[in-house]
PDB file of N, CA and C in Angstrom:
ATOM      1  N   MET A   1     -47.148 -66.801 -98.695  1.00  0.00           N
ATOM      2  CA  MET A   1     -46.129 -66.894 -97.854  1.00  0.00           C
ATOM      3  C   MET A   1     -46.166 -66.165 -97.904  1.00  0.00           C
ATOM      4  N   LYS A   2     -44.563 -65.283 -96.967  1.00  0.00           N
ATOM      5  CA  LYS A   2     -43.866 -64.038 -98.060  1.00  0.00           C
ATOM      6  C   LYS A   2     -42.707 -64.754 -98.224  1.00  0.00           C
ATOM      7  N   ARG A   3     -42.475 -63.632 -99.557  1.00  0.00           N
ATOM      8  CA  ARG A   3     -40.836 -63.960-100.099  1.00  0.00           C
ATOM      9  C   ARG A   3     -39.595 -63.072 -98.973  1.00  0.00           C
ATOM     10  N   ARG A   4     -38.934 -63.817 -99.389  1.00  0.00           N
ATOM     11  CA  ARG A   4     -37.431 -63.133 -98.507  1.00  0.00           C
ATOM     12  C   ARG A   4     -36.158 -62.500 -99.751  1.00  0.00           C
ATOM     13  N   TYR A   5     -36.145 -61.220 -99.118  1.00  0.00           N
ATOM     14  CA  TYR A   5     -35.242 -61.269 -99.823  1.00  0.00           C
ATOM     15  C   TYR A   5     -34.043 -60.438 -99.119  1.00  0.00           C
ATOM     16  N   GLU A   6     -32.303 -61.163 -99.259  1.00  0.00           N
ATOM     17  CA  GLU A   6     -31.418 -60.888 -98.880  1.00  0.00           C
ATOM     18  C   GLU A   6     -31.118 -59.363 -98.777  1.00  0.00           C
ATOM     19  N   ARG A   7     -32.017 -58.741 -98.854  1.00  0.00           N
ATOM     20  CA  ARG A   7     -31.789 -56.850 -99.174  1.00  0.00           C
ATOM     21  C   ARG A   7     -32.917 -56.498 -99.459  1.00  0.00           C
ATOM     22  N   ALA A   8     -33.085 -54.842 -99.138  1.00  0.00           N
ATOM     23  CA  ALA A   8     -34.258 -54.180 -99.211  1.00  0.00           C
ATOM     24  C   ALA A   8     -34.257 -53.875-100.610  1.00  0.00           C
ATOM     25  N   LEU A   9     -36.011 -53.881-101.153  1.00  0.00           N
ATOM     26  CA  LEU A   9     -35.971 -53.650-102.405  1.00  0.00           C
ATOM     27  C   LEU A   9     -35.794 -51.773-103.190  1.00  0.00           C
ATOM     28  N   THR A  10     -34.926 -51.571-103.542  1.00  0.00           N
ATOM     29  CA  THR A  10     -34.700 -50.547-104.248  1.00  0.00           C
ATOM     30  C   THR A  10     -36.990 -50.332-104.730  1.00  0.00           C
ATOM     31  N   ALA A  11     -36.959 -48.397-104.810  1.00  0.00           N
ATOM     32  CA  ALA A  11     -38.432 -48.226-105.522  1.00  0.00           C
ATOM     33  C   ALA A  11     -38.584 -48.878-106.472  1.00  0.00           C
ATOM     34  N   ASP A  12     -37.185 -48.670-107.791  1.00  0.00           N
ATOM     35  CA  ASP A  12     -36.936 -49.185-109.588  1.00  0.00           C
ATOM     36  C   ASP A  12     -37.811 -50.681-108.583  1.00  0.00           C
ATOM     37  N   GLU A  13     -36.504 -51.414-108.300  1.00  0.00           N
ATOM     38  CA  GLU A  13     -37.124 -52.879-108.570  1.00  0.00           C
ATOM     39  C   GLU A  13     -38.355 -53.023-107.916  1.00  0.00           C
ATOM     40  N   LEU A  14     -39.106 -52.472-106.788  1.00  0.00           N
ATOM     41  CA  LEU A  14     -39.556 -52.562-105.963  1.00  0.00           C
ATOM     42  C   LEU A  14     -41.110 -52.102-107.270  1.00  0.00           C
ATOM     43  N   SER A  15     -41.461 -51.189-108.120  1.00  0.00           N
ATOM     44  CA  SER A  15     -42.170 -50.698-108.974  1.00  0.00           C
ATOM     45  C   SER A  15     -42.483 -51.825-110.334  1.00  0.00           C
ATOM     46  N   ARG A  16     -40.872 -52.710-110.551  1.00  0.00           N
ATOM     47  CA  ARG A  16     -40.936 -53.946-111.556  1.00  0.00           C
ATOM     48  C   ARG A  16     -41.614 -54.591-110.787  1.00  0.00           C
ATOM     49  N   LEU A  17     -42.509 -55.371-110.040  1.00  0.00           N
ATOM     50  CA  LEU A  17     -42.820 -56.733-109.219  1.00  0.00           C
ATOM     51  C   LEU A  17     -44.158 -56.812-109.782  1.00  0.00           C
ATOM     52  N   PRO A  18     -44.401 -57.582-111.480  1.00  0.00           N
ATOM     53  CA  PRO A  18     -45.634 -58.203-110.234  1.00  0.00           C
ATOM     54  C   PRO A  18     -46.907 -57.512-110.170  1.00  0.00           C
ATOM     55  N   ASP A  19     -47.728 -57.378-109.928  1.00  0.00           N
ATOM     56  CA  ASP A  19     -49.229 -56.901-108.945  1.00  0.00           C
ATOM     57  C   ASP A  19     -49.143 -58.520-108.263  1.00  0.00           C
ATOM     58  N   GLU A  20     -48.824 -59.808-109.057  1.00  0.00           N
ATOM     59  CA  GLU A  20     -49.025 -61.432-108.261  1.00  0.00           C
ATOM     60  C   GLU A  20     -47.860 -61.320-107.104  1.00  0.00           C
ATOM     61  N   ASP A  21     -46.833 -60.679-106.900  1.00  0.00           N
ATOM     62  CA  ASP A  21     -45.543 -61.166-106.433  1.00  0.00           C
ATOM     63  C   ASP A  21     -46.026 -60.622-105.448  1.00  0.00           C
ATOM     64  N   ILE A  22     -46.645 -59.358-105.505  1.00  0.00           N
ATOM     65  CA  ILE A  22     -46.627 -58.039-104.004  1.00  0.00           C
ATOM     66  C   ILE A  22     -47.822 -59.382-102.846  1.00  0.00           C
ATOM     67  N   ASP A  23     -46.705 -59.396-101.664  1.00  0.00           N
ATOM     68  CA  ASP A  23     -48.175 -59.953-100.925  1.00  0.00           C
ATOM     69  C   ASP A  23     -48.462 -58.977 -99.838  1.00  0.00           C
ATOM     70  N   THR A  24     -50.232 -58.955 -99.633  1.00  0.00           N
ATOM     71  CA  THR A  24     -50.883 -57.434 -99.804  1.00  0.00           C
ATOM     72  C   THR A  24     -51.484 -58.298 -98.282  1.00  0.00           C
ATOM     73  N   SER A  25     -51.250 -59.144 -97.505  1.00  0.00           N
ATOM     74  CA  SER A  25     -52.183 -59.964 -97.238  1.00  0.00           C
ATOM     75  C   SER A  25     -52.002 -59.725 -94.890  1.00  0.00           C
ATOM     76  N   ASP A  26     -50.681 -58.513 -95.601  1.00  0.00           N
ATOM     77  CA  ASP A  26     -51.519 -57.930 -93.710  1.00  0.00           C
ATOM     78  C   ASP A  26     -51.543 -56.759 -93.783  1.00  0.00           C
ATOM     79  N   ILE A  27     -52.082 -55.968 -94.378  1.00  0.00           N
ATOM     80  CA  ILE A  27     -52.382 -54.888 -95.773  1.00  0.00           C
ATOM     81  C   ILE A  27     -53.976 -55.211 -95.127  1.00  0.00           C
ATOM     82  N   PRO A  28     -54.946 -54.062 -94.080  1.00  0.00           N
ATOM     83  CA  PRO A  28     -56.429 -54.225 -94.045  1.00  0.00           C
ATOM     84  C   PRO A  28     -57.130 -53.519 -95.007  1.00  0.00           C
ATOM     85  N   GLU A  29     -58.296 -53.727 -95.995  1.00  0.00           N
ATOM     86  CA  GLU A  29     -59.003 -53.595 -97.134  1.00  0.00           C
ATOM     87  C   GLU A  29     -60.058 -51.959 -96.093  1.00  0.00           C
ATOM     88  N   LEU A  30     -59.699 -51.837 -97.162  1.00  0.00           N
ATOM     89  CA  LEU A  30     -60.394 -50.462 -96.952  1.00  0.00           C
ATOM     90  C   LEU A  30     -61.841 -50.455 -96.752  1.00  0.00           C
ATOM     91  N   GLY A  31     -63.023 -49.853 -95.891  1.00  0.00           N
ATOM     92  CA  GLY A  31     -64.001 -50.263 -96.493  1.00  0.00           C
ATOM     93  C   GLY A  31     -64.883 -49.235 -97.175  1.00  0.00           C
ATOM     94  N   PRO A  32     -65.692 -48.795 -96.972  1.00  0.00           N
ATOM     95  CA  PRO A  32     -67.023 -47.647 -97.465  1.00  0.00           C
ATOM     96  C   PRO A  32     -65.984 -46.335 -96.388  1.00  0.00           C
ATOM     97  N   GLU A  33     -66.289 -46.797 -94.663  1.00  0.00           N
ATOM     98  CA  GLU A  33     -66.504 -45.928 -94.016  1.00  0.00           C
ATOM     99  C   GLU A  33     -64.603 -44.954 -94.005  1.00  0.00           C
ATOM    100  N   PHE A  34     -64.318 -45.968 -94.842  1.00  0.00           N
ATOM    101  CA  PHE A  34     -63.056 -45.115 -95.188  1.00  0.00           C
ATOM    102  C   PHE A  34     -62.643 -43.903 -96.087  1.00  0.00           C
ATOM    103  N   TRP A  35     -63.712 -44.808 -96.980  1.00  0.00           N
ATOM    104  CA  TRP A  35     -63.936 -44.214 -98.934  1.00  0.00           C
ATOM    105  C   TRP A  35     -65.086 -42.752 -98.103  1.00  0.00           C
ATOM    106  N   ALA A  36     -66.052 -42.762 -97.630  1.00  0.00           N
ATOM    107  CA  ALA A  36     -66.691 -41.473 -97.518  1.00  0.00           C
ATOM    108  C   ALA A  36     -66.057 -40.767 -96.315  1.00  0.00           C
ATOM    109  N   LYS A  37     -65.338 -40.769 -95.439  1.00  0.00           N
ATOM    110  CA  LYS A  37     -64.380 -40.046 -95.145  1.00  0.00           C
ATOM    111  C   LYS A  37     -63.345 -39.128 -95.859  1.00  0.00           C
ATOM    112  N   ALA A  38     -62.106 -39.644 -96.868  1.00  0.00           N
ATOM    113  CA  ALA A  38     -61.424 -39.406 -98.319  1.00  0.00           C
ATOM    114  C   ALA A  38     -61.541 -38.051 -98.821  1.00  0.00           C
ATOM    115  N   LYS A  39     -60.063 -37.186 -98.774  1.00  0.00           N
ATOM    116  CA  LYS A  39     -60.247 -36.608 -99.598  1.00  0.00           C
ATOM    117  C   LYS A  39     -59.126 -36.157 -99.812  1.00  0.00           C
ATOM    118  N   VAL A  40     -59.145 -35.607-101.070  1.00  0.00           N
ATOM    119  CA  VAL A  40     -58.143 -35.297-102.591  1.00  0.00           C
ATOM    120  C   VAL A  40     -57.219 -33.912-101.834  1.00  0.00           C
ATOM    121  N   MET A  41     -56.851 -33.938-101.270  1.00  0.00           N
ATOM    122  CA  MET A  41     -55.684 -33.104-100.969  1.00  0.00           C
ATOM    123  C   MET A  41     -54.523 -32.661-101.754  1.00  0.00           C
ATOM    124  N   ALA A  42     -53.866 -31.466-101.265  1.00  0.00           N
ATOM    125  CA  ALA A  42     -52.284 -31.224-102.597  1.00  0.00           C
ATOM    126  C   ALA A  42     -51.895 -31.355-102.472  1.00  0.00           C
ATOM    127  N   PRO A  43     -50.790 -32.140-102.296  1.00  0.00           N
ATOM    128  CA  PRO A  43     -49.659 -32.176-101.021  1.00  0.00           C
ATOM    129  C   PRO A  43     -48.778 -30.550-101.096  1.00  0.00           C
ATOM    130  N   ARG A  44     -48.366 -30.802 -99.670  1.00  0.00           N
ATOM    131  CA  ARG A  44     -47.526 -29.286 -99.044  1.00  0.00           C
ATOM    132  C   ARG A  44     -46.356 -29.493 -99.871  1.00  0.00           C
ATOM    133  N   SER A  45     -46.247 -28.481-100.099  1.00  0.00           N
ATOM    134  CA  SER A  45     -44.678 -28.746-100.257  1.00  0.00           C
ATOM    135  C   SER A  45     -44.385 -27.459 -99.720  1.00  0.00           C
ATOM    136  N   LYS A  46     -42.205 -27.497 -99.412  1.00  0.00           N
ATOM    137  CA  LYS A  46     -41.948 -26.549 -98.161  1.00  0.00           C
ATOM    138  C   LYS A  46     -40.979 -25.607 -99.565  1.00  0.00           C
ATOM    139  N   PRO A  47     -40.925 -24.040 -98.839  1.00  0.00           N
ATOM    140  CA  PRO A  47     -40.764 -23.701 -99.300  1.00  0.00           C
ATOM    141  C   PRO A  47     -38.773 -23.660 -99.734  1.00  0.00           C
ATOM    142  N   ASN A  48     -38.057 -23.408-100.817  1.00  0.00           N
ATOM    143  CA  ASN A  48     -36.921 -23.863-100.916  1.00  0.00           C
ATOM    144  C   ASN A  48     -35.843 -22.015-100.518  1.00  0.00           C
ATOM    145  N   VAL A  49     -35.614 -22.010 -99.756  1.00  0.00           N
ATOM    146  CA  VAL A  49     -34.682 -21.461 -98.748  1.00  0.00           C
ATOM    147  C   VAL A  49     -32.825 -21.169 -98.747  1.00  0.00           C
ATOM    148  N   SER A  50     -32.542 -20.141 -99.559  1.00  0.00           N
ATOM    149  CA  SER A  50     -31.045 -20.593 -99.261  1.00  0.00           C
ATOM    150  C   SER A  50     -29.985 -19.419 -98.655  1.00  0.00           C
ATOM    151  N   LEU A  51     -29.943 -19.846 -97.837  1.00  0.00           N
ATOM    152  CA  LEU A  51     -28.737 -20.243 -95.826  1.00  0.00           C
ATOM    153  C   LEU A  51     -28.238 -19.891 -95.845  1.00  0.00           C
ATOM    154  N   ARG A  52     -26.598 -19.203 -95.740  1.00  0.00           N
ATOM    155  CA  ARG A  52     -24.801 -19.984 -95.807  1.00  0.00           C
ATOM    156  C   ARG A  52     -25.220 -19.255 -94.774  1.00  0.00           C
ATOM    157  N   LEU A  53     -24.360 -20.884 -93.998  1.00  0.00           N
ATOM    158  CA  LEU A  53     -23.593 -21.524 -92.828  1.00  0.00           C
ATOM    159  C   LEU A  53     -22.439 -21.489 -93.008  1.00  0.00           C
ATOM    160  N   PRO A  54     -21.979 -21.433 -91.615  1.00  0.00           N
ATOM    161  CA  PRO A  54     -20.634 -21.440 -91.409  1.00  0.00           C
ATOM    162  C   PRO A  54     -19.937 -22.839 -91.641  1.00  0.00           C
ATOM    163  N   GLU A  55     -18.610 -23.430 -92.098  1.00  0.00           N
ATOM    164  CA  GLU A  55     -18.412 -24.178 -92.935  1.00  0.00           C
ATOM    165  C   GLU A  55     -18.142 -25.591 -91.693  1.00  0.00           C
ATOM    166  N   ASP A  56     -17.641 -25.294 -90.512  1.00  0.00           N
ATOM    167  CA  ASP A  56     -18.467 -26.372 -89.614  1.00  0.00           C
ATOM    168  C   ASP A  56     -19.332 -27.287 -89.377  1.00  0.00           C
ATOM    169  N   VAL A  57     -20.571 -26.139 -89.633  1.00  0.00           N
ATOM    170  CA  VAL A  57     -21.709 -27.103 -89.472  1.00  0.00           C
ATOM    171  C   VAL A  57     -22.655 -27.885 -90.175  1.00  0.00           C
ATOM    172  N   ILE A  58     -21.751 -26.815 -91.643  1.00  0.00           N
ATOM    173  CA  ILE A  58     -21.813 -27.996 -92.320  1.00  0.00           C
ATOM    174  C   ILE A  58     -21.463 -28.833 -92.626  1.00  0.00           C
ATOM    175  N   THR A  59     -20.003 -28.815 -91.845  1.00  0.00           N
ATOM    176  CA  THR A  59     -19.445 -30.300 -91.849  1.00  0.00           C
ATOM    177  C   THR A  59     -19.642 -31.393 -90.754  1.00  0.00           C
ATOM    178  N   PHE A  60     -20.369 -30.356 -89.618  1.00  0.00           N
ATOM    179  CA  PHE A  60     -20.671 -31.308 -88.541  1.00  0.00           C
ATOM    180  C   PHE A  60     -21.748 -32.762 -89.102  1.00  0.00           C
ATOM    181  N   PHE A  61     -22.878 -31.926 -90.094  1.00  0.00           N
ATOM    182  CA  PHE A  61     -24.789 -31.846 -90.188  1.00  0.00           C
ATOM    183  C   PHE A  61     -24.222 -33.283 -91.787  1.00  0.00           C
ATOM    184  N   ARG A  62     -22.723 -33.526 -92.234  1.00  0.00           N
ATOM    185  CA  ARG A  62     -22.406 -33.802 -93.254  1.00  0.00           C
ATOM    186  C   ARG A  62     -21.515 -35.114 -92.472  1.00  0.00           C
ATOM    187  N   ASN A  63     -20.802 -34.973 -91.743  1.00  0.00           N
ATOM    188  CA  ASN A  63     -20.100 -35.592 -90.938  1.00  0.00           C
ATOM    189  C   ASN A  63     -20.880 -37.864 -90.541  1.00  0.00           C
ATOM    190  N   GLU A  64     -22.130 -36.633 -89.939  1.00  0.00           N
ATOM    191  CA  GLU A  64     -22.584 -38.034 -89.549  1.00  0.00           C
ATOM    192  C   GLU A  64     -23.081 -38.195 -90.704  1.00  0.00           C
ATOM    193  N   SER A  65     -24.105 -38.421 -91.597  1.00  0.00           N
ATOM    194  CA  SER A  65     -24.266 -39.261 -92.500  1.00  0.00           C
ATOM    195  C   SER A  65     -24.281 -38.241 -93.368  1.00  0.00           C
ATOM    196  N   PRO A  66     -23.922 -38.484 -94.749  1.00  0.00           N
ATOM    197  CA  PRO A  66     -23.605 -37.585 -95.903  1.00  0.00           C
ATOM    198  C   PRO A  66     -25.070 -37.154 -96.373  1.00  0.00           C
ATOM    199  N   LYS A  67     -26.115 -38.193 -96.523  1.00  0.00           N
ATOM    200  CA  LYS A  67     -27.154 -38.272 -97.176  1.00  0.00           C
ATOM    201  C   LYS A  67     -28.486 -38.067 -96.480  1.00  0.00           C
ATOM    202  N   GLY A  68     -29.301 -37.437 -96.836  1.00  0.00           N
ATOM    203  CA  GLY A  68     -29.839 -36.712 -95.479  1.00  0.00           C
ATOM    204  C   GLY A  68     -30.055 -35.423 -94.796  1.00  0.00           C
ATOM    205  N   TYR A  69     -28.504 -34.782 -95.136  1.00  0.00           N
ATOM    206  CA  TYR A  69     -28.433 -33.743 -93.423  1.00  0.00           C
ATOM    207  C   TYR A  69     -29.197 -32.320 -93.389  1.00  0.00           C
ATOM    208  N   THR A  70     -29.702 -32.511 -94.636  1.00  0.00           N
ATOM    209  CA  THR A  70     -30.390 -30.725 -94.020  1.00  0.00           C
ATOM    210  C   THR A  70     -31.291 -31.122 -94.232  1.00  0.00           C
ATOM    211  N   GLY A  71     -32.229 -32.233 -94.594  1.00  0.00           N
ATOM    212  CA  GLY A  71     -33.341 -32.697 -93.744  1.00  0.00           C
ATOM    213  C   GLY A  71     -33.353 -32.812 -91.878  1.00  0.00           C
ATOM    214  N   ARG A  72     -32.531 -32.853 -91.309  1.00  0.00           N
ATOM    215  CA  ARG A  72     -31.481 -33.555 -90.320  1.00  0.00           C
ATOM    216  C   ARG A  72     -30.732 -32.373 -89.648  1.00  0.00           C
ATOM    217  N   MET A  73     -30.350 -31.335 -91.007  1.00  0.00           N
ATOM    218  CA  MET A  73     -30.671 -29.612 -90.020  1.00  0.00           C
ATOM    219  C   MET A  73     -31.935 -28.960 -89.589  1.00  0.00           C
ATOM    220  N   ALA A  74     -32.549 -29.235 -91.119  1.00  0.00           N
ATOM    221  CA  ALA A  74     -34.083 -28.633 -90.757  1.00  0.00           C
ATOM    222  C   ALA A  74     -34.978 -29.238 -89.712  1.00  0.00           C
ATOM    223  N   ALA A  75     -34.612 -31.152 -88.954  1.00  0.00           N
ATOM    224  CA  ALA A  75     -35.219 -31.308 -88.264  1.00  0.00           C
ATOM    225  C   ALA A  75     -34.690 -30.233 -86.184  1.00  0.00           C
ATOM    226  N   VAL A  76     -33.497 -30.374 -86.603  1.00  0.00           N
ATOM    227  CA  VAL A  76     -32.976 -28.880 -86.044  1.00  0.00           C
ATOM    228  C   VAL A  76     -33.908 -28.030 -85.222  1.00  0.00           C
ATOM    229  N   LEU A  77     -34.013 -27.717 -86.227  1.00  0.00           N
ATOM    230  CA  LEU A  77     -34.645 -25.680 -86.707  1.00  0.00           C
ATOM    231  C   LEU A  77     -36.419 -26.169 -86.543  1.00  0.00           C
ATOM    232  N   ALA A  78     -36.768 -27.181 -86.985  1.00  0.00           N
ATOM    233  CA  ALA A  78     -37.678 -27.393 -86.245  1.00  0.00           C
ATOM    234  C   ALA A  78     -38.274 -27.152 -84.415  1.00  0.00           C
ATOM    235  N   ALA A  79     -37.716 -28.005 -84.034  1.00  0.00           N
ATOM    236  CA  ALA A  79     -37.116 -28.213 -82.595  1.00  0.00           C
ATOM    237  C   ALA A  79     -37.338 -27.510 -81.893  1.00  0.00           C
ATOM    238  N   TYR A  80     -36.177 -26.649 -81.913  1.00  0.00           N
ATOM    239  CA  TYR A  80     -36.058 -25.560 -81.384  1.00  0.00           C
ATOM    240  C   TYR A  80     -36.914 -24.021 -81.370  1.00  0.00           C
ATOM    241  N   VAL A  81     -37.713 -24.380 -82.853  1.00  0.00           N
ATOM    242  CA  VAL A  81     -39.842 -23.266 -82.776  1.00  0.00           C
ATOM    243  C   VAL A  81     -40.335 -24.037 -82.481  1.00  0.00           C
ATOM    244  N   ARG A  82     -40.313 -25.391 -82.241  1.00  0.00           N
ATOM    245  CA  ARG A  82     -41.434 -25.652 -81.222  1.00  0.00           C
ATOM    246  C   ARG A  82     -41.033 -25.411 -79.400  1.00  0.00           C
ATOM    247  N   ALA A  83     -39.793 -26.217 -79.397  1.00  0.00           N
ATOM    248  CA  ALA A  83     -38.833 -25.701 -77.666  1.00  0.00           C
ATOM    249  C   ALA A  83     -39.301 -24.030 -77.542  1.00  0.00           C
ATOM    250  N   HIS A  84     -39.577 -22.737 -78.320  1.00  0.00           N
ATOM    251  CA  HIS A  84     -39.387 -21.495 -78.359  1.00  0.00           C
ATOM    252  C   HIS A  84     -41.092 -20.571 -78.043  1.00  0.00           C
ATOM    253  N   GLN A  85     -41.637 -21.853 -78.539  1.00  0.00           N
ATOM    254  CA  GLN A  85     -43.096 -21.078 -79.297  1.00  0.00           C
ATOM    255  C   GLN A  85     -43.581 -21.040 -77.484  1.00  0.00           C
ATOM    256  N   PRO A  86     -44.748 -20.711 -77.375  1.00  0.00           N
ATOM    257  CA  PRO A  86     -45.485 -20.203 -76.103  1.00  0.00           C
ATOM    258  C   PRO A  86     -46.207 -21.263 -75.840  1.00  0.00           C
ATOM    259  N   LYS A  87     -46.063 -21.336 -74.211  1.00  0.00           N
ATOM    260  CA  LYS A  87     -47.095 -22.868 -74.442  1.00  0.00           C
ATOM    261  C   LYS A  87     -48.145 -22.303 -73.776  1.00  0.00           C
TER     262      LYS A  87
END
């Protein structure tokens, strides 16, 4: 039976849980066919870019939610690129 928590646990709290307290019953086993095709890949990193923006643009994205505002800005730019690529 799954243990219910009053709130989502933080990554630090999850890392301290003993293995036997973690319910993995809803995670399917990875069989030999998965491991036969598995490849080790280096993580893709994003280049760091410094960009000067108008204060009102930054304020708009920060006011929506201070956490993750640069990610939202990147998502808007990515959507613009996709919309302007040739079909």
